[in-house]
Amino acid sequence: MQPKPHTTRKLRYQNILFFIACVCNAIPLLLVQYFPTVDGPAHMYNAHLLQDLIGGNEWVKTFHQLNPALVPNWSATVLLIMLRSILPVFIVEKIMVAIYVTGFPLAFQNLLRAIKPGSNPPWLIIPFTYTFMLFMGFYNFNLGIIIFCFAMGFWIRKYETPKPIHFAGLFLYGGILYFSHIFVFAAYVSCVGVYSISSLKNKDSLKKHLIRIVS
């Protein structure tokens, strides 16, 4: 059933207003030169050290070396390194915070629309973006939450008609989440598993999904 034109127009206007509200949510960052977080400076310092290691700073190499193990908590560091190469430190930190306070409501809306298509924007999520985890400076966790919402929205939309490319996307999201934050990655694996298993109500449903995947 196609939505009525006036309903579609109303939803479009709501989406525009919601996007503007998400952008305006970052205005407090413009009122201060430095946004205070607990771990934010440590992340900046780690990014600085990695830049020096990659750049061949011999003095830094006498004290530090790159860890070749594929451990989590890399996403924010990589993003910080890229931003630090072109922008001042205090602006880079504001961008990291702005990514969360604008991106999380939009990601949550994406997940909500996957669960209930055509639903109204989640206006009440905006006041809850300046959280304890944000002020603690847990950049990797905050990035992981955004990616988690997009990843679950993706899987919920594609689950009914799965194709090999969709599973590739599922694993790609999983890889990004692993390198963001291990707890968010664990939540993602658990939610995908529980949702998939609970949706397979009978053997016919399982057989139908297997046929779609193979074809």
N, C-alpha and C. Protein backbone atom coordinates (compact mmCIF):
# COMPACT_ATOMS: atom_id res chain seq x y z
N MET A 1 0.85 -1.21 0.00
CA MET A 1 0.00 0.00 0.00
C MET A 1 0.88 1.25 0.00
N GLN A 2 0.69 2.10 -0.99
CA GLN A 2 1.49 3.31 -1.10
C GLN A 2 0.99 4.37 -0.12
N PRO A 3 1.92 5.09 0.55
CA PRO A 3 1.50 6.16 1.45
C PRO A 3 0.87 7.31 0.69
N LYS A 4 -0.05 8.01 1.33
CA LYS A 4 -0.72 9.13 0.70
C LYS A 4 0.27 10.27 0.48
N PRO A 5 0.05 11.07 -0.61
CA PRO A 5 0.99 12.16 -0.91
C PRO A 5 1.19 13.14 0.24
N HIS A 6 0.10 13.51 0.93
CA HIS A 6 0.24 14.48 2.02
C HIS A 6 1.00 13.88 3.19
N THR A 7 0.85 12.54 3.38
CA THR A 7 1.60 11.87 4.45
C THR A 7 3.09 11.85 4.13
N THR A 8 3.41 11.57 2.87
CA THR A 8 4.81 11.57 2.44
C THR A 8 5.42 12.95 2.56
N ARG A 9 4.66 13.98 2.19
CA ARG A 9 5.15 15.36 2.28
C ARG A 9 5.37 15.76 3.74
N LYS A 10 4.44 15.37 4.60
CA LYS A 10 4.57 15.68 6.02
C LYS A 10 5.81 15.01 6.61
N LEU A 11 6.03 13.76 6.23
CA LEU A 11 7.18 13.03 6.74
C LEU A 11 8.48 13.66 6.24
N ARG A 12 8.48 14.13 4.99
CA ARG A 12 9.67 14.78 4.44
C ARG A 12 10.00 16.05 5.22
N TYR A 13 8.98 16.84 5.53
CA TYR A 13 9.20 18.07 6.31
C TYR A 13 9.70 17.73 7.71
N GLN A 14 9.15 16.69 8.29
CA GLN A 14 9.60 16.27 9.62
C GLN A 14 11.06 15.84 9.60
N ASN A 15 11.44 15.14 8.54
CA ASN A 15 12.83 14.69 8.42
C ASN A 15 13.78 15.88 8.30
N ILE A 16 13.37 16.89 7.53
CA ILE A 16 14.21 18.09 7.38
C ILE A 16 14.35 18.82 8.71
N LEU A 17 13.23 18.98 9.43
CA LEU A 17 13.28 19.66 10.72
C LEU A 17 14.10 18.87 11.73
N PHE A 18 13.99 17.55 11.68
CA PHE A 18 14.75 16.71 12.60
C PHE A 18 16.25 16.83 12.32
N PHE A 19 16.61 16.85 11.05
CA PHE A 19 18.01 16.99 10.68
C PHE A 19 18.56 18.34 11.17
N ILE A 20 17.76 19.40 10.98
CA ILE A 20 18.17 20.73 11.45
C ILE A 20 18.34 20.73 12.97
N ALA A 21 17.42 20.06 13.66
CA ALA A 21 17.51 19.98 15.13
C ALA A 21 18.77 19.24 15.56
N CYS A 22 19.14 18.19 14.82
CA CYS A 22 20.36 17.43 15.15
C CYS A 22 21.60 18.29 14.95
N VAL A 23 21.60 19.07 13.88
CA VAL A 23 22.74 19.97 13.64
C VAL A 23 22.80 21.05 14.73
N CYS A 24 21.65 21.61 15.08
CA CYS A 24 21.61 22.63 16.13
C CYS A 24 22.03 22.06 17.48
N ASN A 25 21.92 20.76 17.64
CA ASN A 25 22.33 20.12 18.89
C ASN A 25 23.82 20.29 19.15
N ALA A 26 24.58 20.60 18.11
CA ALA A 26 26.03 20.80 18.26
C ALA A 26 26.40 22.25 18.54
N ILE A 27 25.40 23.15 18.61
CA ILE A 27 25.69 24.57 18.85
C ILE A 27 26.47 24.81 20.15
N PRO A 28 26.17 24.09 21.25
CA PRO A 28 26.96 24.32 22.48
C PRO A 28 28.46 24.17 22.28
N LEU A 29 28.87 23.41 21.29
CA LEU A 29 30.30 23.23 21.04
C LEU A 29 30.95 24.51 20.53
N LEU A 30 30.13 25.40 19.96
CA LEU A 30 30.66 26.65 19.43
C LEU A 30 30.84 27.71 20.52
N LEU A 31 30.29 27.45 21.69
CA LEU A 31 30.31 28.45 22.77
C LEU A 31 31.58 28.38 23.60
N VAL A 32 32.36 27.32 23.42
CA VAL A 32 33.61 27.17 24.18
C VAL A 32 34.75 26.84 23.22
N GLN A 33 35.96 27.19 23.64
CA GLN A 33 37.11 26.86 22.78
C GLN A 33 37.49 25.40 22.92
N TYR A 34 37.42 24.88 24.16
CA TYR A 34 37.75 23.49 24.40
C TYR A 34 36.56 22.80 25.05
N PHE A 35 36.17 21.66 24.50
CA PHE A 35 35.06 20.89 25.09
C PHE A 35 35.67 19.89 26.08
N PRO A 36 35.31 19.99 27.37
CA PRO A 36 35.97 19.15 28.39
C PRO A 36 35.47 17.70 28.38
N THR A 37 36.39 16.78 28.23
CA THR A 37 36.11 15.35 28.39
C THR A 37 37.26 14.73 29.18
N VAL A 38 37.00 13.59 29.80
CA VAL A 38 38.02 12.94 30.63
C VAL A 38 39.09 12.28 29.78
N ASP A 39 38.67 11.43 28.85
CA ASP A 39 39.63 10.67 28.04
C ASP A 39 39.98 11.33 26.71
N GLY A 40 39.29 12.42 26.37
CA GLY A 40 39.55 13.08 25.09
C GLY A 40 41.02 13.45 24.89
N PRO A 41 41.66 14.12 25.86
CA PRO A 41 43.08 14.45 25.69
C PRO A 41 43.97 13.22 25.51
N ALA A 42 43.64 12.12 26.18
CA ALA A 42 44.42 10.89 26.03
C ALA A 42 44.31 10.35 24.61
N HIS A 43 43.12 10.42 24.03
CA HIS A 43 42.94 9.99 22.64
C HIS A 43 43.77 10.87 21.69
N MET A 44 43.76 12.17 21.95
CA MET A 44 44.54 13.08 21.12
C MET A 44 46.03 12.78 21.22
N TYR A 45 46.48 12.48 22.44
CA TYR A 45 47.90 12.18 22.65
C TYR A 45 48.29 10.89 21.93
N ASN A 46 47.43 9.87 22.02
CA ASN A 46 47.71 8.61 21.32
C ASN A 46 47.78 8.81 19.81
N ALA A 47 46.87 9.63 19.29
CA ALA A 47 46.90 9.92 17.86
C ALA A 47 48.19 10.65 17.47
N HIS A 48 48.64 11.55 18.36
CA HIS A 48 49.88 12.28 18.11
C HIS A 48 51.08 11.31 18.09
N LEU A 49 51.12 10.38 19.04
CA LEU A 49 52.20 9.39 19.08
C LEU A 49 52.21 8.52 17.83
N LEU A 50 51.03 8.09 17.41
CA LEU A 50 50.95 7.24 16.22
C LEU A 50 51.39 8.00 14.97
N GLN A 51 51.03 9.28 14.89
CA GLN A 51 51.49 10.08 13.77
C GLN A 51 53.02 10.14 13.73
N ASP A 52 53.62 10.31 14.90
CA ASP A 52 55.08 10.36 14.98
C ASP A 52 55.70 9.01 14.62
N LEU A 53 55.09 7.91 15.08
CA LEU A 53 55.62 6.58 14.76
C LEU A 53 55.54 6.30 13.26
N ILE A 54 54.39 6.63 12.70
CA ILE A 54 54.20 6.40 11.26
C ILE A 54 55.12 7.32 10.45
N GLY A 55 55.32 8.54 10.98
CA GLY A 55 56.17 9.49 10.28
C GLY A 55 57.66 9.25 10.44
N GLY A 56 58.03 8.25 11.26
CA GLY A 56 59.44 7.90 11.40
C GLY A 56 60.19 8.70 12.43
N ASN A 57 59.51 9.23 13.44
CA ASN A 57 60.18 9.97 14.51
C ASN A 57 61.03 9.01 15.33
N GLU A 58 62.36 9.12 15.21
CA GLU A 58 63.27 8.18 15.86
C GLU A 58 63.24 8.31 17.38
N TRP A 59 63.08 9.52 17.87
CA TRP A 59 63.05 9.71 19.32
C TRP A 59 61.86 9.00 19.94
N VAL A 60 60.68 9.12 19.29
CA VAL A 60 59.48 8.44 19.78
C VAL A 60 59.65 6.93 19.69
N LYS A 61 60.33 6.45 18.64
CA LYS A 61 60.53 5.02 18.46
C LYS A 61 61.40 4.39 19.55
N THR A 62 62.17 5.20 20.25
CA THR A 62 62.97 4.65 21.34
C THR A 62 62.12 4.29 22.55
N PHE A 63 60.90 4.80 22.60
CA PHE A 63 60.01 4.53 23.74
C PHE A 63 58.76 3.74 23.36
N HIS A 64 58.35 3.83 22.10
CA HIS A 64 57.09 3.21 21.68
C HIS A 64 57.30 2.41 20.39
N GLN A 65 56.42 1.46 20.18
CA GLN A 65 56.39 0.73 18.92
C GLN A 65 54.96 0.35 18.60
N LEU A 66 54.67 0.17 17.32
CA LEU A 66 53.32 -0.20 16.90
C LEU A 66 52.99 -1.62 17.32
N ASN A 67 51.78 -1.81 17.81
CA ASN A 67 51.31 -3.14 18.19
C ASN A 67 50.67 -3.79 16.96
N PRO A 68 51.24 -4.91 16.46
CA PRO A 68 50.70 -5.53 15.24
C PRO A 68 49.40 -6.30 15.46
N ALA A 69 49.01 -6.50 16.72
CA ALA A 69 47.79 -7.27 17.01
C ALA A 69 46.56 -6.49 16.58
N LEU A 70 45.56 -7.21 16.08
CA LEU A 70 44.31 -6.60 15.63
C LEU A 70 43.38 -6.43 16.84
N VAL A 71 43.64 -5.39 17.60
CA VAL A 71 42.86 -5.12 18.81
C VAL A 71 41.79 -4.07 18.53
N PRO A 72 40.74 -4.00 19.38
CA PRO A 72 39.70 -2.97 19.19
C PRO A 72 40.21 -1.56 19.51
N ASN A 73 39.29 -0.61 19.50
CA ASN A 73 39.55 0.80 19.85
C ASN A 73 40.49 1.50 18.87
N TRP A 74 40.33 1.20 17.59
CA TRP A 74 41.15 1.84 16.57
C TRP A 74 40.39 2.91 15.78
N SER A 75 39.08 2.81 15.72
CA SER A 75 38.30 3.68 14.83
C SER A 75 38.51 5.16 15.13
N ALA A 76 38.36 5.53 16.40
CA ALA A 76 38.52 6.94 16.77
C ALA A 76 39.95 7.40 16.53
N THR A 77 40.91 6.54 16.80
CA THR A 77 42.32 6.92 16.63
C THR A 77 42.63 7.21 15.17
N VAL A 78 42.15 6.35 14.28
CA VAL A 78 42.38 6.57 12.85
C VAL A 78 41.71 7.86 12.39
N LEU A 79 40.50 8.10 12.85
CA LEU A 79 39.79 9.33 12.48
C LEU A 79 40.51 10.56 13.02
N LEU A 80 41.01 10.47 14.25
CA LEU A 80 41.74 11.59 14.84
C LEU A 80 43.02 11.89 14.07
N ILE A 81 43.73 10.86 13.66
CA ILE A 81 44.97 11.04 12.91
C ILE A 81 44.68 11.78 11.60
N MET A 82 43.62 11.37 10.91
CA MET A 82 43.28 12.03 9.64
C MET A 82 42.90 13.48 9.85
N LEU A 83 42.11 13.76 10.90
CA LEU A 83 41.66 15.13 11.16
C LEU A 83 42.81 16.01 11.67
N ARG A 84 43.68 15.42 12.49
CA ARG A 84 44.81 16.20 13.05
C ARG A 84 45.78 16.67 11.97
N SER A 85 45.81 15.96 10.88
CA SER A 85 46.76 16.32 9.82
C SER A 85 46.36 17.59 9.08
N ILE A 86 45.11 18.03 9.26
CA ILE A 86 44.65 19.21 8.51
C ILE A 86 44.01 20.27 9.40
N LEU A 87 43.74 19.94 10.67
CA LEU A 87 43.02 20.88 11.54
C LEU A 87 43.70 21.01 12.90
N PRO A 88 43.48 22.15 13.59
CA PRO A 88 44.00 22.30 14.95
C PRO A 88 43.36 21.31 15.91
N VAL A 89 44.06 21.03 17.00
CA VAL A 89 43.62 20.00 17.95
C VAL A 89 42.26 20.32 18.55
N PHE A 90 42.03 21.56 18.98
CA PHE A 90 40.77 21.88 19.65
C PHE A 90 39.58 21.74 18.70
N ILE A 91 39.80 21.98 17.41
CA ILE A 91 38.72 21.80 16.44
C ILE A 91 38.47 20.32 16.18
N VAL A 92 39.54 19.54 16.15
CA VAL A 92 39.40 18.09 15.95
C VAL A 92 38.56 17.48 17.06
N GLU A 93 38.82 17.90 18.29
CA GLU A 93 38.06 17.35 19.41
C GLU A 93 36.59 17.74 19.32
N LYS A 94 36.32 18.96 18.89
CA LYS A 94 34.92 19.39 18.73
C LYS A 94 34.24 18.58 17.62
N ILE A 95 34.96 18.27 16.57
CA ILE A 95 34.39 17.48 15.47
C ILE A 95 34.02 16.09 15.97
N MET A 96 34.88 15.50 16.79
CA MET A 96 34.58 14.17 17.34
C MET A 96 33.30 14.19 18.16
N VAL A 97 33.15 15.23 18.97
CA VAL A 97 31.93 15.34 19.78
C VAL A 97 30.72 15.63 18.89
N ALA A 98 30.91 16.49 17.89
CA ALA A 98 29.81 16.85 16.99
C ALA A 98 29.33 15.65 16.20
N ILE A 99 30.25 14.77 15.83
CA ILE A 99 29.85 13.56 15.10
C ILE A 99 28.85 12.76 15.93
N TYR A 100 29.08 12.70 17.24
CA TYR A 100 28.19 11.92 18.09
C TYR A 100 26.86 12.62 18.33
N VAL A 101 26.91 13.91 18.72
CA VAL A 101 25.66 14.59 19.11
C VAL A 101 24.74 14.83 17.92
N THR A 102 25.29 14.83 16.71
CA THR A 102 24.44 14.93 15.52
C THR A 102 24.17 13.56 14.91
N GLY A 103 25.16 12.68 14.96
CA GLY A 103 25.04 11.38 14.30
C GLY A 103 24.19 10.38 15.05
N PHE A 104 24.24 10.42 16.38
CA PHE A 104 23.48 9.43 17.14
C PHE A 104 21.97 9.57 16.95
N PRO A 105 21.38 10.78 17.03
CA PRO A 105 19.93 10.88 16.78
C PRO A 105 19.55 10.42 15.38
N LEU A 106 20.38 10.73 14.38
CA LEU A 106 20.08 10.31 13.01
C LEU A 106 20.21 8.79 12.87
N ALA A 107 21.20 8.21 13.53
CA ALA A 107 21.36 6.76 13.48
C ALA A 107 20.19 6.07 14.19
N PHE A 108 19.76 6.64 15.31
CA PHE A 108 18.63 6.08 16.05
C PHE A 108 17.36 6.17 15.22
N GLN A 109 17.19 7.27 14.50
CA GLN A 109 16.04 7.40 13.61
C GLN A 109 16.08 6.33 12.52
N ASN A 110 17.25 6.07 11.98
CA ASN A 110 17.40 5.04 10.96
C ASN A 110 16.98 3.67 11.50
N LEU A 111 17.39 3.37 12.72
CA LEU A 111 17.01 2.09 13.32
C LEU A 111 15.51 2.04 13.59
N LEU A 112 14.95 3.13 14.08
CA LEU A 112 13.51 3.18 14.36
C LEU A 112 12.70 2.99 13.09
N ARG A 113 13.13 3.61 11.99
CA ARG A 113 12.42 3.48 10.72
C ARG A 113 12.54 2.06 10.16
N ALA A 114 13.63 1.37 10.47
CA ALA A 114 13.76 -0.02 10.03
C ALA A 114 12.78 -0.91 10.78
N ILE A 115 12.58 -0.61 12.07
CA ILE A 115 11.64 -1.40 12.88
C ILE A 115 10.20 -1.04 12.55
N LYS A 116 9.95 0.26 12.40
CA LYS A 116 8.59 0.73 12.11
C LYS A 116 8.67 1.78 11.00
N PRO A 117 8.57 1.36 9.74
CA PRO A 117 8.67 2.31 8.62
C PRO A 117 7.61 3.41 8.71
N GLY A 118 8.03 4.62 8.37
CA GLY A 118 7.10 5.74 8.38
C GLY A 118 6.85 6.35 9.74
N SER A 119 7.58 5.92 10.76
CA SER A 119 7.38 6.47 12.10
C SER A 119 7.90 7.90 12.18
N ASN A 120 7.38 8.65 13.12
CA ASN A 120 7.80 10.03 13.31
C ASN A 120 9.25 10.09 13.82
N PRO A 121 9.94 11.18 13.58
CA PRO A 121 11.31 11.33 14.09
C PRO A 121 11.35 11.22 15.61
N PRO A 122 12.40 10.62 16.17
CA PRO A 122 12.50 10.47 17.62
C PRO A 122 13.03 11.74 18.28
N TRP A 123 12.17 12.74 18.40
CA TRP A 123 12.60 14.05 18.90
C TRP A 123 13.19 13.96 20.31
N LEU A 124 12.65 13.08 21.13
CA LEU A 124 13.06 13.04 22.53
C LEU A 124 14.46 12.45 22.72
N ILE A 125 15.04 11.88 21.67
CA ILE A 125 16.40 11.33 21.81
C ILE A 125 17.44 12.44 21.83
N ILE A 126 17.11 13.60 21.25
CA ILE A 126 18.09 14.69 21.12
C ILE A 126 18.59 15.20 22.48
N PRO A 127 17.73 15.44 23.47
CA PRO A 127 18.25 15.93 24.77
C PRO A 127 19.14 14.92 25.49
N PHE A 128 19.10 13.67 25.08
CA PHE A 128 19.87 12.64 25.79
C PHE A 128 21.19 12.30 25.09
N THR A 129 21.64 13.16 24.19
CA THR A 129 22.89 12.88 23.49
C THR A 129 24.12 13.30 24.31
N TYR A 130 23.97 14.33 25.15
CA TYR A 130 25.09 14.76 25.99
C TYR A 130 25.13 13.87 27.24
N THR A 131 25.65 12.69 27.06
CA THR A 131 25.60 11.65 28.08
C THR A 131 26.88 11.58 28.90
N PHE A 132 26.83 10.75 29.93
CA PHE A 132 28.00 10.49 30.76
C PHE A 132 29.15 9.93 29.92
N MET A 133 28.82 9.03 28.99
CA MET A 133 29.84 8.41 28.15
C MET A 133 30.49 9.44 27.23
N LEU A 134 29.74 10.46 26.83
CA LEU A 134 30.30 11.52 26.00
C LEU A 134 31.29 12.36 26.80
N PHE A 135 30.90 12.77 28.00
CA PHE A 135 31.78 13.59 28.82
C PHE A 135 32.98 12.81 29.35
N MET A 136 32.86 11.49 29.39
CA MET A 136 34.02 10.67 29.73
C MET A 136 35.02 10.61 28.58
N GLY A 137 34.58 11.01 27.40
CA GLY A 137 35.49 11.01 26.25
C GLY A 137 35.70 9.64 25.65
N PHE A 138 34.69 8.79 25.76
CA PHE A 138 34.80 7.43 25.19
C PHE A 138 34.47 7.49 23.69
N TYR A 139 35.39 8.01 22.92
CA TYR A 139 35.14 8.25 21.50
C TYR A 139 34.82 6.97 20.74
N ASN A 140 35.56 5.91 21.00
CA ASN A 140 35.33 4.66 20.28
C ASN A 140 33.95 4.08 20.60
N PHE A 141 33.57 4.16 21.85
CA PHE A 141 32.24 3.68 22.25
C PHE A 141 31.15 4.49 21.57
N ASN A 142 31.32 5.82 21.55
CA ASN A 142 30.31 6.70 20.95
C ASN A 142 30.19 6.44 19.45
N LEU A 143 31.33 6.28 18.78
CA LEU A 143 31.29 5.94 17.35
C LEU A 143 30.63 4.59 17.15
N GLY A 144 30.93 3.65 18.04
CA GLY A 144 30.35 2.31 17.94
C GLY A 144 28.84 2.32 18.05
N ILE A 145 28.29 3.16 18.93
CA ILE A 145 26.85 3.24 19.10
C ILE A 145 26.18 3.72 17.82
N ILE A 146 26.79 4.71 17.16
CA ILE A 146 26.24 5.20 15.89
C ILE A 146 26.25 4.09 14.84
N ILE A 147 27.39 3.43 14.71
CA ILE A 147 27.52 2.37 13.71
C ILE A 147 26.58 1.21 14.04
N PHE A 148 26.41 0.92 15.33
CA PHE A 148 25.50 -0.16 15.76
C PHE A 148 24.08 0.11 15.26
N CYS A 149 23.60 1.33 15.43
CA CYS A 149 22.23 1.66 15.00
C CYS A 149 22.07 1.51 13.49
N PHE A 150 23.06 1.98 12.72
CA PHE A 150 22.99 1.82 11.27
C PHE A 150 23.09 0.35 10.87
N ALA A 151 23.94 -0.40 11.56
CA ALA A 151 24.12 -1.82 11.23
C ALA A 151 22.85 -2.62 11.49
N MET A 152 22.22 -2.39 12.65
CA MET A 152 21.00 -3.12 12.96
C MET A 152 19.87 -2.71 12.03
N GLY A 153 19.81 -1.42 11.69
CA GLY A 153 18.80 -0.98 10.72
C GLY A 153 18.99 -1.64 9.38
N PHE A 154 20.24 -1.78 8.96
CA PHE A 154 20.56 -2.45 7.70
C PHE A 154 20.10 -3.90 7.73
N TRP A 155 20.41 -4.63 8.80
CA TRP A 155 20.06 -6.05 8.86
C TRP A 155 18.56 -6.27 8.96
N ILE A 156 17.87 -5.44 9.71
CA ILE A 156 16.42 -5.58 9.84
C ILE A 156 15.74 -5.38 8.49
N ARG A 157 16.25 -4.42 7.69
CA ARG A 157 15.67 -4.17 6.37
C ARG A 157 15.96 -5.30 5.39
N LYS A 158 17.15 -5.88 5.46
CA LYS A 158 17.58 -6.87 4.47
C LYS A 158 17.31 -8.31 4.89
N TYR A 159 16.92 -8.52 6.13
CA TYR A 159 16.80 -9.88 6.63
C TYR A 159 15.74 -10.70 5.88
N GLU A 160 14.64 -10.08 5.53
CA GLU A 160 13.55 -10.83 4.90
C GLU A 160 13.91 -11.29 3.48
N THR A 161 14.78 -10.58 2.81
CA THR A 161 15.20 -10.96 1.46
C THR A 161 16.73 -10.97 1.38
N PRO A 162 17.37 -11.89 2.09
CA PRO A 162 18.84 -11.86 2.18
C PRO A 162 19.51 -12.30 0.88
N LYS A 163 20.62 -11.65 0.58
CA LYS A 163 21.47 -12.00 -0.55
C LYS A 163 22.91 -12.05 -0.06
N PRO A 164 23.79 -12.68 -0.79
CA PRO A 164 25.21 -12.73 -0.35
C PRO A 164 25.80 -11.37 -0.06
N ILE A 165 25.42 -10.35 -0.87
CA ILE A 165 25.96 -9.01 -0.66
C ILE A 165 25.51 -8.44 0.68
N HIS A 166 24.33 -8.83 1.14
CA HIS A 166 23.84 -8.36 2.42
C HIS A 166 24.65 -8.95 3.57
N PHE A 167 25.05 -10.21 3.41
CA PHE A 167 25.89 -10.82 4.44
C PHE A 167 27.28 -10.20 4.45
N ALA A 168 27.74 -9.79 3.28
CA ALA A 168 29.01 -9.08 3.21
C ALA A 168 28.91 -7.76 3.99
N GLY A 169 27.79 -7.07 3.81
CA GLY A 169 27.57 -5.83 4.56
C GLY A 169 27.47 -6.08 6.04
N LEU A 170 26.83 -7.20 6.41
CA LEU A 170 26.69 -7.56 7.82
C LEU A 170 28.06 -7.76 8.46
N PHE A 171 28.96 -8.48 7.77
CA PHE A 171 30.29 -8.72 8.30
C PHE A 171 31.16 -7.47 8.26
N LEU A 172 30.93 -6.61 7.26
CA LEU A 172 31.67 -5.35 7.20
C LEU A 172 31.32 -4.48 8.39
N TYR A 173 30.04 -4.36 8.69
CA TYR A 173 29.63 -3.61 9.88
C TYR A 173 30.24 -4.23 11.13
N GLY A 174 30.24 -5.56 11.19
CA GLY A 174 30.82 -6.23 12.35
C GLY A 174 32.30 -5.92 12.51
N GLY A 175 33.03 -5.89 11.39
CA GLY A 175 34.45 -5.57 11.45
C GLY A 175 34.69 -4.16 11.94
N ILE A 176 33.89 -3.22 11.44
CA ILE A 176 34.04 -1.83 11.87
C ILE A 176 33.72 -1.69 13.36
N LEU A 177 32.69 -2.40 13.80
CA LEU A 177 32.32 -2.34 15.21
C LEU A 177 33.38 -2.98 16.09
N TYR A 178 34.00 -4.06 15.62
CA TYR A 178 35.06 -4.69 16.40
C TYR A 178 36.20 -3.71 16.64
N PHE A 179 36.57 -2.97 15.60
CA PHE A 179 37.67 -2.02 15.75
C PHE A 179 37.23 -0.71 16.39
N SER A 180 35.93 -0.61 16.72
CA SER A 180 35.44 0.57 17.44
C SER A 180 35.41 0.29 18.94
N HIS A 181 34.61 -0.70 19.34
CA HIS A 181 34.51 -1.00 20.78
C HIS A 181 34.02 -2.44 20.94
N ILE A 182 34.71 -3.20 21.75
CA ILE A 182 34.41 -4.63 21.88
C ILE A 182 33.04 -4.88 22.50
N PHE A 183 32.61 -4.03 23.44
CA PHE A 183 31.30 -4.21 24.07
C PHE A 183 30.17 -3.96 23.07
N VAL A 184 30.32 -2.92 22.26
CA VAL A 184 29.30 -2.64 21.24
C VAL A 184 29.30 -3.75 20.20
N PHE A 185 30.46 -4.26 19.86
CA PHE A 185 30.55 -5.39 18.92
C PHE A 185 29.83 -6.61 19.48
N ALA A 186 30.03 -6.90 20.77
CA ALA A 186 29.36 -8.03 21.40
C ALA A 186 27.84 -7.83 21.40
N ALA A 187 27.40 -6.60 21.65
CA ALA A 187 25.96 -6.31 21.62
C ALA A 187 25.41 -6.51 20.21
N TYR A 188 26.19 -6.12 19.22
CA TYR A 188 25.77 -6.27 17.81
C TYR A 188 25.61 -7.73 17.45
N VAL A 189 26.61 -8.54 17.78
CA VAL A 189 26.54 -9.97 17.47
C VAL A 189 25.34 -10.60 18.18
N SER A 190 25.12 -10.22 19.44
CA SER A 190 24.00 -10.78 20.20
C SER A 190 22.66 -10.38 19.60
N CYS A 191 22.52 -9.10 19.25
CA CYS A 191 21.24 -8.62 18.71
C CYS A 191 20.95 -9.22 17.34
N VAL A 192 21.96 -9.32 16.48
CA VAL A 192 21.77 -9.94 15.17
C VAL A 192 21.37 -11.40 15.34
N GLY A 193 22.04 -12.10 16.25
CA GLY A 193 21.73 -13.51 16.47
C GLY A 193 20.33 -13.71 17.02
N VAL A 194 19.98 -12.94 18.05
CA VAL A 194 18.66 -13.09 18.67
C VAL A 194 17.56 -12.73 17.69
N TYR A 195 17.75 -11.64 16.94
CA TYR A 195 16.73 -11.21 15.98
C TYR A 195 16.56 -12.25 14.88
N SER A 196 17.66 -12.77 14.37
CA SER A 196 17.59 -13.74 13.28
C SER A 196 16.94 -15.04 13.73
N ILE A 197 17.33 -15.53 14.90
CA ILE A 197 16.78 -16.78 15.40
C ILE A 197 15.30 -16.64 15.73
N SER A 198 14.93 -15.52 16.36
CA SER A 198 13.53 -15.32 16.73
C SER A 198 12.64 -15.14 15.51
N SER A 199 13.21 -14.67 14.40
CA SER A 199 12.42 -14.47 13.19
C SER A 199 12.20 -15.77 12.42
N LEU A 200 13.06 -16.75 12.66
CA LEU A 200 12.89 -18.05 12.00
C LEU A 200 11.94 -18.90 12.84
N LYS A 201 10.65 -18.72 12.63
CA LYS A 201 9.64 -19.35 13.47
C LYS A 201 9.45 -20.83 13.16
N ASN A 202 9.74 -21.22 11.93
CA ASN A 202 9.52 -22.62 11.58
C ASN A 202 10.51 -23.03 10.50
N LYS A 203 10.49 -24.32 10.16
CA LYS A 203 11.42 -24.86 9.17
C LYS A 203 11.16 -24.30 7.78
N ASP A 204 9.91 -24.03 7.46
CA ASP A 204 9.59 -23.47 6.14
C ASP A 204 10.24 -22.11 5.97
N SER A 205 10.21 -21.31 7.04
CA SER A 205 10.84 -19.99 6.98
C SER A 205 12.33 -20.12 6.79
N LEU A 206 12.96 -21.08 7.48
CA LEU A 206 14.40 -21.31 7.33
C LEU A 206 14.72 -21.77 5.91
N LYS A 207 13.92 -22.68 5.38
CA LYS A 207 14.14 -23.17 4.02
C LYS A 207 14.01 -22.04 3.01
N LYS A 208 13.02 -21.17 3.20
CA LYS A 208 12.78 -20.05 2.29
C LYS A 208 13.99 -19.12 2.28
N HIS A 209 14.57 -18.85 3.47
CA HIS A 209 15.72 -17.95 3.56
C HIS A 209 16.95 -18.58 2.91
N LEU A 210 17.13 -19.88 3.07
CA LEU A 210 18.27 -20.56 2.47
C LEU A 210 18.18 -20.51 0.94
N ILE A 211 16.98 -20.68 0.42
CA ILE A 211 16.78 -20.63 -1.04
C ILE A 211 17.11 -19.23 -1.56
N ARG A 212 16.66 -18.21 -0.84
CA ARG A 212 16.93 -16.84 -1.26
C ARG A 212 18.44 -16.55 -1.25
N ILE A 213 19.13 -17.05 -0.22
CA ILE A 213 20.57 -16.80 -0.12
C ILE A 213 21.31 -17.46 -1.27
N VAL A 214 20.95 -18.72 -1.57
CA VAL A 214 21.64 -19.47 -2.62
C VAL A 214 21.38 -18.86 -3.98
N SER A 215 20.11 -18.43 -4.20
CA SER A 215 19.74 -17.87 -5.51
C SER A 215 20.27 -16.45 -5.67
